[in-house]
Amino acid sequence: MKNNDIDNKTTEKLEGQLKGIKIITGALIGVLTMLLIVSVYGLVTKENNATFIALIAVAISCSGILPSQFINMKKIKTELNSRKENN
């Protein structure tokens, strides 16, 4: 997300975008956690481990999205805080 993009948005839009990013990130964390739990359970209890190893790889690779989401949230929070201090 570009800083110019953040600067040009209204405070209400930024608050809505922050709320949306939080919801999406929370859902992603929940889904990845469940995927890892199911994969580990499958590795422990089932004989065919190839599927569960692949699912763990998918969970780990999808978790690479999380740092960018946290960075976007931090940028938006910083912009909102700077706007509150200016008012």
PDB file of N, CA and C in Angstrom:
ATOM      1  N   MET A   1       0.843  -1.166   0.000  1.00  0.00           N
ATOM      2  CA  MET A   1       0.000   0.000   0.000  1.00  0.00           C
ATOM      3  C   MET A   1       0.891   1.232   0.000  1.00  0.00           C
ATOM      4  N   LYS A   2       0.611   2.135  -0.896  1.00  0.00           N
ATOM      5  CA  LYS A   2       1.422   3.340  -1.021  1.00  0.00           C
ATOM      6  C   LYS A   2       1.011   4.364   0.023  1.00  0.00           C
ATOM      7  N   ASN A   3       1.968   5.163   0.483  1.00  0.00           N
ATOM      8  CA  ASN A   3       1.657   6.214   1.439  1.00  0.00           C
ATOM      9  C   ASN A   3       0.740   7.257   0.830  1.00  0.00           C
ATOM     10  N   ASN A   4       0.901   7.559  -0.468  1.00  0.00           N
ATOM     11  CA  ASN A   4       0.022   8.514  -1.131  1.00  0.00           C
ATOM     12  C   ASN A   4      -1.415   8.027  -1.113  1.00  0.00           C
ATOM     13  N   ASP A   5      -1.578   6.721  -1.233  1.00  0.00           N
ATOM     14  CA  ASP A   5      -2.910   6.131  -1.200  1.00  0.00           C
ATOM     15  C   ASP A   5      -3.541   6.333   0.174  1.00  0.00           C
ATOM     16  N   ILE A   6      -2.751   6.185   1.221  1.00  0.00           N
ATOM     17  CA  ILE A   6      -3.256   6.373   2.578  1.00  0.00           C
ATOM     18  C   ILE A   6      -3.549   7.848   2.833  1.00  0.00           C
ATOM     19  N   ASP A   7      -2.679   8.716   2.353  1.00  0.00           N
ATOM     20  CA  ASP A   7      -2.852  10.154   2.588  1.00  0.00           C
ATOM     21  C   ASP A   7      -4.110  10.698   1.920  1.00  0.00           C
ATOM     22  N   ASN A   8      -4.505  10.127   0.802  1.00  0.00           N
ATOM     23  CA  ASN A   8      -5.644  10.643   0.047  1.00  0.00           C
ATOM     24  C   ASN A   8      -6.989  10.126   0.536  1.00  0.00           C
ATOM     25  N   LYS A   9      -6.988   9.139   1.421  1.00  0.00           N
ATOM     26  CA  LYS A   9      -8.253   8.576   1.903  1.00  0.00           C
ATOM     27  C   LYS A   9      -8.735   9.338   3.131  1.00  0.00           C
ATOM     28  N   THR A  10     -10.055   9.333   3.294  1.00  0.00           N
ATOM     29  CA  THR A  10     -10.633   9.984   4.470  1.00  0.00           C
ATOM     30  C   THR A  10     -10.418   9.106   5.695  1.00  0.00           C
ATOM     31  N   THR A  11     -10.580   9.705   6.858  1.00  0.00           N
ATOM     32  CA  THR A  11     -10.406   8.978   8.114  1.00  0.00           C
ATOM     33  C   THR A  11     -11.411   7.836   8.224  1.00  0.00           C
ATOM     34  N   GLU A  12     -12.630   8.067   7.791  1.00  0.00           N
ATOM     35  CA  GLU A  12     -13.660   7.030   7.864  1.00  0.00           C
ATOM     36  C   GLU A  12     -13.302   5.844   6.971  1.00  0.00           C
ATOM     37  N   LYS A  13     -12.786   6.130   5.783  1.00  0.00           N
ATOM     38  CA  LYS A  13     -12.387   5.046   4.882  1.00  0.00           C
ATOM     39  C   LYS A  13     -11.220   4.260   5.462  1.00  0.00           C
ATOM     40  N   LEU A  14     -10.273   4.967   6.075  1.00  0.00           N
ATOM     41  CA  LEU A  14      -9.137   4.273   6.673  1.00  0.00           C
ATOM     42  C   LEU A  14      -9.576   3.410   7.842  1.00  0.00           C
ATOM     43  N   GLU A  15     -10.502   3.906   8.657  1.00  0.00           N
ATOM     44  CA  GLU A  15     -11.003   3.102   9.772  1.00  0.00           C
ATOM     45  C   GLU A  15     -11.739   1.866   9.269  1.00  0.00           C
ATOM     46  N   GLY A  16     -12.518   2.019   8.212  1.00  0.00           N
ATOM     47  CA  GLY A  16     -13.205   0.876   7.619  1.00  0.00           C
ATOM     48  C   GLY A  16     -12.235  -0.121   7.018  1.00  0.00           C
ATOM     49  N   GLN A  17     -11.207   0.384   6.368  1.00  0.00           N
ATOM     50  CA  GLN A  17     -10.210  -0.491   5.777  1.00  0.00           C
ATOM     51  C   GLN A  17      -9.437  -1.235   6.868  1.00  0.00           C
ATOM     52  N   LEU A  18      -9.121  -0.557   7.957  1.00  0.00           N
ATOM     53  CA  LEU A  18      -8.427  -1.195   9.068  1.00  0.00           C
ATOM     54  C   LEU A  18      -9.274  -2.300   9.674  1.00  0.00           C
ATOM     55  N   LYS A  19     -10.555  -2.021   9.841  1.00  0.00           N
ATOM     56  CA  LYS A  19     -11.460  -3.029  10.388  1.00  0.00           C
ATOM     57  C   LYS A  19     -11.540  -4.238   9.464  1.00  0.00           C
ATOM     58  N   GLY A  20     -11.619  -4.000   8.155  1.00  0.00           N
ATOM     59  CA  GLY A  20     -11.672  -5.095   7.190  1.00  0.00           C
ATOM     60  C   GLY A  20     -10.405  -5.931   7.190  1.00  0.00           C
ATOM     61  N   ILE A  21      -9.258  -5.272   7.276  1.00  0.00           N
ATOM     62  CA  ILE A  21      -7.990  -6.001   7.303  1.00  0.00           C
ATOM     63  C   ILE A  21      -7.899  -6.843   8.570  1.00  0.00           C
ATOM     64  N   LYS A  22      -8.371  -6.297   9.690  1.00  0.00           N
ATOM     65  CA  LYS A  22      -8.347  -7.060  10.945  1.00  0.00           C
ATOM     66  C   LYS A  22      -9.222  -8.309  10.845  1.00  0.00           C
ATOM     67  N   ILE A  23     -10.398  -8.165  10.250  1.00  0.00           N
ATOM     68  CA  ILE A  23     -11.312  -9.305  10.113  1.00  0.00           C
ATOM     69  C   ILE A  23     -10.706 -10.369   9.199  1.00  0.00           C
ATOM     70  N   ILE A  24     -10.194  -9.940   8.073  1.00  0.00           N
ATOM     71  CA  ILE A  24      -9.612 -10.879   7.120  1.00  0.00           C
ATOM     72  C   ILE A  24      -8.388 -11.576   7.714  1.00  0.00           C
ATOM     73  N   THR A  25      -7.547 -10.821   8.409  1.00  0.00           N
ATOM     74  CA  THR A  25      -6.357 -11.401   9.019  1.00  0.00           C
ATOM     75  C   THR A  25      -6.742 -12.393  10.105  1.00  0.00           C
ATOM     76  N   GLY A  26      -7.731 -12.056  10.912  1.00  0.00           N
ATOM     77  CA  GLY A  26      -8.196 -12.979  11.948  1.00  0.00           C
ATOM     78  C   GLY A  26      -8.748 -14.260  11.356  1.00  0.00           C
ATOM     79  N   ALA A  27      -9.516 -14.132  10.289  1.00  0.00           N
ATOM     80  CA  ALA A  27     -10.061 -15.319   9.633  1.00  0.00           C
ATOM     81  C   ALA A  27      -8.949 -16.167   9.030  1.00  0.00           C
ATOM     82  N   LEU A  28      -7.964 -15.516   8.429  1.00  0.00           N
ATOM     83  CA  LEU A  28      -6.839 -16.244   7.848  1.00  0.00           C
ATOM     84  C   LEU A  28      -6.055 -16.989   8.924  1.00  0.00           C
ATOM     85  N   ILE A  29      -5.820 -16.339  10.047  1.00  0.00           N
ATOM     86  CA  ILE A  29      -5.113 -17.002  11.154  1.00  0.00           C
ATOM     87  C   ILE A  29      -5.914 -18.197  11.653  1.00  0.00           C
ATOM     88  N   GLY A  30      -7.224 -18.030  11.766  1.00  0.00           N
ATOM     89  CA  GLY A  30      -8.076 -19.132  12.210  1.00  0.00           C
ATOM     90  C   GLY A  30      -8.047 -20.317  11.248  1.00  0.00           C
ATOM     91  N   VAL A  31      -8.156 -20.032   9.969  1.00  0.00           N
ATOM     92  CA  VAL A  31      -8.160 -21.105   8.970  1.00  0.00           C
ATOM     93  C   VAL A  31      -6.806 -21.812   8.923  1.00  0.00           C
ATOM     94  N   LEU A  32      -5.724 -21.044   8.972  1.00  0.00           N
ATOM     95  CA  LEU A  32      -4.392 -21.654   8.939  1.00  0.00           C
ATOM     96  C   LEU A  32      -4.130 -22.481  10.190  1.00  0.00           C
ATOM     97  N   THR A  33      -4.612 -22.004  11.329  1.00  0.00           N
ATOM     98  CA  THR A  33      -4.463 -22.779  12.561  1.00  0.00           C
ATOM     99  C   THR A  33      -5.212 -24.108  12.466  1.00  0.00           C
ATOM    100  N   MET A  34      -6.440 -24.047  11.981  1.00  0.00           N
ATOM    101  CA  MET A  34      -7.216 -25.286  11.831  1.00  0.00           C
ATOM    102  C   MET A  34      -6.556 -26.234  10.831  1.00  0.00           C
ATOM    103  N   LEU A  35      -6.021 -25.691   9.753  1.00  0.00           N
ATOM    104  CA  LEU A  35      -5.350 -26.515   8.754  1.00  0.00           C
ATOM    105  C   LEU A  35      -4.130 -27.195   9.355  1.00  0.00           C
ATOM    106  N   LEU A  36      -3.366 -26.461  10.149  1.00  0.00           N
ATOM    107  CA  LEU A  36      -2.199 -27.066  10.795  1.00  0.00           C
ATOM    108  C   LEU A  36      -2.603 -28.125  11.806  1.00  0.00           C
ATOM    109  N   ILE A  37      -3.657 -27.866  12.577  1.00  0.00           N
ATOM    110  CA  ILE A  37      -4.126 -28.852  13.558  1.00  0.00           C
ATOM    111  C   ILE A  37      -4.584 -30.129  12.872  1.00  0.00           C
ATOM    112  N   VAL A  38      -5.374 -29.982  11.819  1.00  0.00           N
ATOM    113  CA  VAL A  38      -5.859 -31.160  11.088  1.00  0.00           C
ATOM    114  C   VAL A  38      -4.696 -31.906  10.452  1.00  0.00           C
ATOM    115  N   SER A  39      -3.729 -31.188   9.935  1.00  0.00           N
ATOM    116  CA  SER A  39      -2.581 -31.823   9.292  1.00  0.00           C
ATOM    117  C   SER A  39      -1.732 -32.590  10.296  1.00  0.00           C
ATOM    118  N   VAL A  40      -1.479 -32.000  11.442  1.00  0.00           N
ATOM    119  CA  VAL A  40      -0.691 -32.694  12.466  1.00  0.00           C
ATOM    120  C   VAL A  40      -1.454 -33.907  12.983  1.00  0.00           C
ATOM    121  N   TYR A  41      -2.754 -33.762  13.188  1.00  0.00           N
ATOM    122  CA  TYR A  41      -3.566 -34.897  13.618  1.00  0.00           C
ATOM    123  C   TYR A  41      -3.519 -36.016  12.575  1.00  0.00           C
ATOM    124  N   GLY A  42      -3.615 -35.656  11.319  1.00  0.00           N
ATOM    125  CA  GLY A  42      -3.559 -36.647  10.255  1.00  0.00           C
ATOM    126  C   GLY A  42      -2.201 -37.325  10.177  1.00  0.00           C
ATOM    127  N   LEU A  43      -1.140 -36.574  10.396  1.00  0.00           N
ATOM    128  CA  LEU A  43       0.202 -37.174  10.390  1.00  0.00           C
ATOM    129  C   LEU A  43       0.365 -38.185  11.514  1.00  0.00           C
ATOM    130  N   VAL A  44      -0.232 -37.882  12.652  1.00  0.00           N
ATOM    131  CA  VAL A  44      -0.070 -38.761  13.810  1.00  0.00           C
ATOM    132  C   VAL A  44      -0.943 -40.018  13.690  1.00  0.00           C
ATOM    133  N   THR A  45      -2.148 -39.869  13.178  1.00  0.00           N
ATOM    134  CA  THR A  45      -3.097 -40.980  13.228  1.00  0.00           C
ATOM    135  C   THR A  45      -3.239 -41.773  11.925  1.00  0.00           C
ATOM    136  N   LYS A  46      -2.945 -41.213  10.805  1.00  0.00           N
ATOM    137  CA  LYS A  46      -3.184 -41.900   9.526  1.00  0.00           C
ATOM    138  C   LYS A  46      -1.897 -42.468   8.961  1.00  0.00           C
ATOM    139  N   GLU A  47      -2.065 -43.425   8.063  1.00  0.00           N
ATOM    140  CA  GLU A  47      -0.897 -44.054   7.445  1.00  0.00           C
ATOM    141  C   GLU A  47      -0.411 -43.303   6.205  1.00  0.00           C
ATOM    142  N   ASN A  48      -1.319 -42.692   5.467  1.00  0.00           N
ATOM    143  CA  ASN A  48      -0.946 -41.962   4.258  1.00  0.00           C
ATOM    144  C   ASN A  48      -0.554 -40.534   4.640  1.00  0.00           C
ATOM    145  N   ASN A  49       0.745 -40.285   4.787  1.00  0.00           N
ATOM    146  CA  ASN A  49       1.223 -38.994   5.272  1.00  0.00           C
ATOM    147  C   ASN A  49       1.438 -37.963   4.175  1.00  0.00           C
ATOM    148  N   ALA A  50       1.461 -38.379   2.926  1.00  0.00           N
ATOM    149  CA  ALA A  50       1.787 -37.449   1.835  1.00  0.00           C
ATOM    150  C   ALA A  50       0.792 -36.289   1.756  1.00  0.00           C
ATOM    151  N   THR A  51      -0.467 -36.576   1.922  1.00  0.00           N
ATOM    152  CA  THR A  51      -1.494 -35.532   1.851  1.00  0.00           C
ATOM    153  C   THR A  51      -1.316 -34.517   2.972  1.00  0.00           C
ATOM    154  N   PHE A  52      -1.044 -35.003   4.150  1.00  0.00           N
ATOM    155  CA  PHE A  52      -0.941 -34.100   5.298  1.00  0.00           C
ATOM    156  C   PHE A  52       0.346 -33.285   5.271  1.00  0.00           C
ATOM    157  N   ILE A  53       1.400 -33.841   4.709  1.00  0.00           N
ATOM    158  CA  ILE A  53       2.634 -33.078   4.532  1.00  0.00           C
ATOM    159  C   ILE A  53       2.399 -31.944   3.536  1.00  0.00           C
ATOM    160  N   ALA A  54       1.659 -32.236   2.479  1.00  0.00           N
ATOM    161  CA  ALA A  54       1.328 -31.204   1.492  1.00  0.00           C
ATOM    162  C   ALA A  54       0.456 -30.112   2.115  1.00  0.00           C
ATOM    163  N   LEU A  55      -0.471 -30.489   2.984  1.00  0.00           N
ATOM    164  CA  LEU A  55      -1.323 -29.497   3.645  1.00  0.00           C
ATOM    165  C   LEU A  55      -0.521 -28.608   4.586  1.00  0.00           C
ATOM    166  N   ILE A  56       0.471 -29.163   5.243  1.00  0.00           N
ATOM    167  CA  ILE A  56       1.335 -28.346   6.099  1.00  0.00           C
ATOM    168  C   ILE A  56       2.116 -27.355   5.245  1.00  0.00           C
ATOM    169  N   ALA A  57       2.585 -27.796   4.088  1.00  0.00           N
ATOM    170  CA  ALA A  57       3.309 -26.890   3.190  1.00  0.00           C
ATOM    171  C   ALA A  57       2.401 -25.758   2.712  1.00  0.00           C
ATOM    172  N   VAL A  58       1.157 -26.074   2.428  1.00  0.00           N
ATOM    173  CA  VAL A  58       0.198 -25.041   2.010  1.00  0.00           C
ATOM    174  C   VAL A  58      -0.036 -24.041   3.140  1.00  0.00           C
ATOM    175  N   ALA A  59      -0.196 -24.528   4.352  1.00  0.00           N
ATOM    176  CA  ALA A  59      -0.427 -23.644   5.493  1.00  0.00           C
ATOM    177  C   ALA A  59       0.763 -22.722   5.728  1.00  0.00           C
ATOM    178  N   ILE A  60       1.954 -23.263   5.641  1.00  0.00           N
ATOM    179  CA  ILE A  60       3.152 -22.454   5.861  1.00  0.00           C
ATOM    180  C   ILE A  60       3.308 -21.415   4.758  1.00  0.00           C
ATOM    181  N   SER A  61       3.060 -21.806   3.522  1.00  0.00           N
ATOM    182  CA  SER A  61       3.211 -20.843   2.423  1.00  0.00           C
ATOM    183  C   SER A  61       2.128 -19.765   2.480  1.00  0.00           C
ATOM    184  N   CYS A  62       0.922 -20.107   2.881  1.00  0.00           N
ATOM    185  CA  CYS A  62      -0.138 -19.102   2.987  1.00  0.00           C
ATOM    186  C   CYS A  62       0.087 -18.169   4.175  1.00  0.00           C
ATOM    187  N   SER A  63       0.823 -18.615   5.160  1.00  0.00           N
ATOM    188  CA  SER A  63       1.094 -17.749   6.305  1.00  0.00           C
ATOM    189  C   SER A  63       2.064 -16.629   5.938  1.00  0.00           C
ATOM    190  N   GLY A  64       2.680 -16.705   4.765  1.00  0.00           N
ATOM    191  CA  GLY A  64       3.548 -15.635   4.294  1.00  0.00           C
ATOM    192  C   GLY A  64       2.801 -14.345   4.005  1.00  0.00           C
ATOM    193  N   ILE A  65       1.491 -14.414   3.895  1.00  0.00           N
ATOM    194  CA  ILE A  65       0.668 -13.226   3.658  1.00  0.00           C
ATOM    195  C   ILE A  65       0.542 -12.394   4.929  1.00  0.00           C
ATOM    196  N   LEU A  66       0.638 -13.025   6.076  1.00  0.00           N
ATOM    197  CA  LEU A  66       0.379 -12.344   7.341  1.00  0.00           C
ATOM    198  C   LEU A  66       1.298 -11.150   7.618  1.00  0.00           C
ATOM    199  N   PRO A  67       2.604 -11.244   7.390  1.00  0.00           N
ATOM    200  CA  PRO A  67       3.436 -10.057   7.670  1.00  0.00           C
ATOM    201  C   PRO A  67       3.028  -8.817   6.881  1.00  0.00           C
ATOM    202  N   SER A  68       2.646  -8.991   5.625  1.00  0.00           N
ATOM    203  CA  SER A  68       2.225  -7.824   4.841  1.00  0.00           C
ATOM    204  C   SER A  68       0.925  -7.240   5.389  1.00  0.00           C
ATOM    205  N   GLN A  69       0.046  -8.087   5.885  1.00  0.00           N
ATOM    206  CA  GLN A  69      -1.198  -7.585   6.488  1.00  0.00           C
ATOM    207  C   GLN A  69      -0.908  -6.786   7.752  1.00  0.00           C
ATOM    208  N   PHE A  70       0.013  -7.299   8.573  1.00  0.00           N
ATOM    209  CA  PHE A  70       0.359  -6.582   9.796  1.00  0.00           C
ATOM    210  C   PHE A  70       1.053  -5.254   9.491  1.00  0.00           C
ATOM    211  N   ILE A  71       1.866  -5.226   8.440  1.00  0.00           N
ATOM    212  CA  ILE A  71       2.524  -3.981   8.030  1.00  0.00           C
ATOM    213  C   ILE A  71       1.483  -2.967   7.564  1.00  0.00           C
ATOM    214  N   ASN A  72       0.501  -3.418   6.775  1.00  0.00           N
ATOM    215  CA  ASN A  72      -0.569  -2.516   6.324  1.00  0.00           C
ATOM    216  C   ASN A  72      -1.370  -1.974   7.503  1.00  0.00           C
ATOM    217  N   MET A  73      -1.663  -2.841   8.484  1.00  0.00           N
ATOM    218  CA  MET A  73      -2.403  -2.380   9.657  1.00  0.00           C
ATOM    219  C   MET A  73      -1.596  -1.328  10.420  1.00  0.00           C
ATOM    220  N   LYS A  74      -0.301  -1.557  10.542  1.00  0.00           N
ATOM    221  CA  LYS A  74       0.545  -0.615  11.269  1.00  0.00           C
ATOM    222  C   LYS A  74       0.584   0.737  10.560  1.00  0.00           C
ATOM    223  N   LYS A  75       0.691   0.731   9.232  1.00  0.00           N
ATOM    224  CA  LYS A  75       0.705   1.984   8.470  1.00  0.00           C
ATOM    225  C   LYS A  75      -0.591   2.757   8.655  1.00  0.00           C
ATOM    226  N   ILE A  76      -1.711   2.049   8.598  1.00  0.00           N
ATOM    227  CA  ILE A  76      -3.010   2.712   8.747  1.00  0.00           C
ATOM    228  C   ILE A  76      -3.161   3.259  10.159  1.00  0.00           C
ATOM    229  N   LYS A  77      -2.765   2.484  11.167  1.00  0.00           N
ATOM    230  CA  LYS A  77      -2.851   2.968  12.550  1.00  0.00           C
ATOM    231  C   LYS A  77      -1.984   4.199  12.762  1.00  0.00           C
ATOM    232  N   THR A  78      -0.788   4.176  12.184  1.00  0.00           N
ATOM    233  CA  THR A  78       0.104   5.332  12.304  1.00  0.00           C
ATOM    234  C   THR A  78      -0.519   6.570  11.679  1.00  0.00           C
ATOM    235  N   GLU A  79      -1.110   6.420  10.505  1.00  0.00           N
ATOM    236  CA  GLU A  79      -1.760   7.550   9.830  1.00  0.00           C
ATOM    237  C   GLU A  79      -2.951   8.055  10.641  1.00  0.00           C
ATOM    238  N   LEU A  80      -3.749   7.144  11.185  1.00  0.00           N
ATOM    239  CA  LEU A  80      -4.898   7.566  11.986  1.00  0.00           C
ATOM    240  C   LEU A  80      -4.450   8.291  13.252  1.00  0.00           C
ATOM    241  N   ASN A  81      -3.396   7.793  13.891  1.00  0.00           N
ATOM    242  CA  ASN A  81      -2.883   8.457  15.093  1.00  0.00           C
ATOM    243  C   ASN A  81      -2.327   9.835  14.773  1.00  0.00           C
ATOM    244  N   SER A  82      -1.646   9.972  13.648  1.00  0.00           N
ATOM    245  CA  SER A  82      -1.098  11.282  13.279  1.00  0.00           C
ATOM    246  C   SER A  82      -2.234  12.265  12.959  1.00  0.00           C
ATOM    247  N   ARG A  83      -3.323  11.778  12.395  1.00  0.00           N
ATOM    248  CA  ARG A  83      -4.459  12.647  12.118  1.00  0.00           C
ATOM    249  C   ARG A  83      -5.139  13.086  13.405  1.00  0.00           C
ATOM    250  N   LYS A  84      -5.204  12.182  14.399  1.00  0.00           N
ATOM    251  CA  LYS A  84      -5.822  12.542  15.674  1.00  0.00           C
ATOM    252  C   LYS A  84      -4.978  13.574  16.409  1.00  0.00           C
ATOM    253  N   GLU A  85      -3.653  13.436  16.310  1.00  0.00           N
ATOM    254  CA  GLU A  85      -2.764  14.394  16.984  1.00  0.00           C
ATOM    255  C   GLU A  85      -2.849  15.775  16.328  1.00  0.00           C
ATOM    256  N   ASN A  86      -3.068  15.815  15.034  1.00  0.00           N
ATOM    257  CA  ASN A  86      -3.144  17.099  14.324  1.00  0.00           C
ATOM    258  C   ASN A  86      -4.445  17.845  14.609  1.00  0.00           C
ATOM    259  N   ASN A  87      -5.474  17.121  14.990  1.00  0.00           N
ATOM    260  CA  ASN A  87      -6.784  17.763  15.234  1.00  0.00           C
ATOM    261  C   ASN A  87      -6.891  18.229  16.625  1.00  0.00           C
TER     262      ASN A  87
END
